[in-house]
Amino acid sequence: MRGNVIDLAVAVIIGGAFSGIVGSLINDVITPLLLKPSMEALHVDKLENLAWKGVLYGKFLSSVINFLVTAFIIFLMVKTMNKAVKKKKDDDEKAPLLTKDQELLTEIKDLLSKKE
């Protein structure tokens, strides 16, 4: 049970730090590159300031983009981790499992080869 609690705590801490990175990616990279022309046409300097009759749809749009980027990056991380776990499992299955008798015979063989 302790291992799961520690894993959860690490995930929460990394998630908090990761949200800052994704927020910066949205505000400093994606918004200027993709939405700059439309924002200039609307005479808006920040995505969050986009509004229509008092409805701040810019904040909603920013949150949607933030969620999509976060979900995509987490998807890639989980996919990579699953590949690594599968590869490790395949490698473990390829390694022959020796019985107790086989282990003893291997030890005897090694001892005899050292004497020679």
Protein backbone atom coordinates (compact mmCIF):
# COMPACT_ATOMS: atom_id res chain seq x y z
CA MET A 1 0.00 0.00 0.00
CA ARG A 2 2.85 2.42 0.78
CA GLY A 3 4.27 2.14 -2.71
CA ASN A 4 0.95 3.18 -4.22
CA VAL A 5 0.69 6.21 -1.92
CA ILE A 6 4.21 7.31 -2.84
CA ASP A 7 3.48 6.81 -6.54
CA LEU A 8 0.34 8.92 -6.19
CA ALA A 9 2.21 11.68 -4.35
CA VAL A 10 4.90 11.77 -7.04
CA ALA A 11 2.22 11.89 -9.75
CA VAL A 12 0.48 14.85 -8.07
CA ILE A 13 3.73 16.78 -7.71
CA ILE A 14 4.79 16.10 -11.29
CA GLY A 15 1.28 16.94 -12.51
CA GLY A 16 1.44 20.31 -10.77
CA ALA A 17 4.79 21.11 -12.32
CA PHE A 18 3.60 19.79 -15.68
CA SER A 19 0.59 22.11 -15.70
CA GLY A 20 2.94 25.10 -15.58
CA ILE A 21 4.87 23.75 -18.55
CA VAL A 22 1.69 23.14 -20.56
CA GLY A 23 0.35 26.58 -19.62
CA SER A 24 3.53 28.19 -20.88
CA LEU A 25 3.40 26.11 -24.05
CA ILE A 26 -0.15 27.29 -24.72
CA ASN A 27 0.40 30.95 -23.82
CA ASP A 28 3.91 31.45 -25.19
CA VAL A 29 4.13 29.10 -28.18
CA ILE A 30 0.82 27.82 -29.54
CA THR A 31 -1.22 30.99 -29.12
CA PRO A 32 1.32 33.29 -30.81
CA LEU A 33 1.98 30.84 -33.64
CA LEU A 34 -1.52 29.64 -34.46
CA LEU A 35 -3.90 32.29 -33.21
CA LYS A 36 -1.92 35.51 -33.62
CA PRO A 37 -3.47 36.52 -36.98
CA SER A 38 -7.03 36.04 -35.76
CA MET A 39 -6.29 37.78 -32.46
CA GLU A 40 -4.79 40.76 -34.31
CA ALA A 41 -7.88 40.93 -36.52
CA LEU A 42 -10.04 41.04 -33.38
CA HIS A 43 -7.70 43.61 -31.73
CA VAL A 44 -7.02 41.36 -28.73
CA ASP A 45 -3.63 40.99 -27.06
CA LYS A 46 -4.32 37.86 -24.96
CA LEU A 47 -6.38 34.79 -25.74
CA GLU A 48 -8.17 35.10 -22.38
CA ASN A 49 -9.49 38.54 -23.42
CA LEU A 50 -11.46 37.21 -26.39
CA ALA A 51 -15.11 37.95 -25.70
CA TRP A 52 -18.42 38.21 -27.46
CA LYS A 53 -21.18 40.22 -25.75
CA GLY A 54 -19.57 39.65 -22.36
CA VAL A 55 -18.95 35.93 -22.83
CA LEU A 56 -15.25 35.22 -22.33
CA TYR A 57 -14.92 32.41 -24.82
CA GLY A 58 -11.17 33.03 -24.99
CA LYS A 59 -10.70 31.57 -21.51
CA PHE A 60 -12.71 28.53 -22.52
CA LEU A 61 -10.72 28.15 -25.73
CA SER A 62 -7.47 28.43 -23.77
CA SER A 63 -8.66 25.76 -21.33
CA VAL A 64 -9.66 23.41 -24.16
CA ILE A 65 -6.28 23.80 -25.86
CA ASN A 66 -4.54 23.29 -22.52
CA PHE A 67 -6.52 20.10 -21.88
CA LEU A 68 -5.88 18.70 -25.36
CA VAL A 69 -2.13 19.29 -25.17
CA THR A 70 -1.95 17.81 -21.67
CA ALA A 71 -4.01 14.75 -22.66
CA PHE A 72 -1.89 14.17 -25.77
CA ILE A 73 1.39 14.38 -23.87
CA ILE A 74 0.14 12.07 -21.12
CA PHE A 75 -1.09 9.65 -23.80
CA LEU A 76 2.39 9.61 -25.34
CA MET A 77 4.00 9.08 -21.92
CA VAL A 78 1.67 6.18 -21.05
CA LYS A 79 2.16 4.62 -24.48
CA THR A 80 5.96 4.81 -24.07
CA MET A 81 5.80 3.35 -20.56
CA ASN A 82 3.58 0.49 -21.74
CA LYS A 83 6.07 -0.30 -24.52
CA ALA A 84 8.91 -0.37 -22.00
CA VAL A 85 6.97 -2.64 -19.63
CA LYS A 86 6.02 -4.97 -22.49
CA LYS A 87 9.62 -5.12 -23.71
CA LYS A 88 10.85 -5.92 -20.20
CA LYS A 89 8.18 -8.60 -19.85
CA ASP A 90 9.17 -10.11 -23.22
CA ASP A 91 12.84 -10.09 -22.21
CA ASP A 92 12.00 -11.79 -18.91
CA GLU A 93 10.01 -14.48 -20.71
CA LYS A 94 12.87 -15.15 -23.12
CA ALA A 95 15.32 -15.81 -20.29
CA PRO A 96 15.17 -19.50 -19.47
CA LEU A 97 14.03 -20.31 -15.96
CA LEU A 98 16.19 -22.98 -14.40
CA THR A 99 14.90 -25.57 -12.01
CA LYS A 100 16.65 -26.13 -8.70
CA ASP A 101 18.41 -29.22 -10.12
CA GLN A 102 19.61 -27.27 -13.14
CA GLU A 103 20.96 -24.47 -10.92
CA LEU A 104 22.88 -27.00 -8.80
CA LEU A 105 24.29 -28.71 -11.89
CA THR A 106 25.38 -25.33 -13.27
CA GLU A 107 27.16 -24.53 -9.99
CA ILE A 108 28.91 -27.93 -10.01
CA LYS A 109 29.96 -27.40 -13.63
CA ASP A 110 31.38 -23.96 -12.79
CA LEU A 111 33.29 -25.34 -9.78
CA LEU A 112 34.74 -28.19 -11.87
CA SER A 113 35.81 -25.78 -14.62
CA LYS A 114 37.59 -23.61 -12.02
CA LYS A 115 39.59 -26.62 -10.76
CA GLU A 116 40.90 -27.35 -14.24
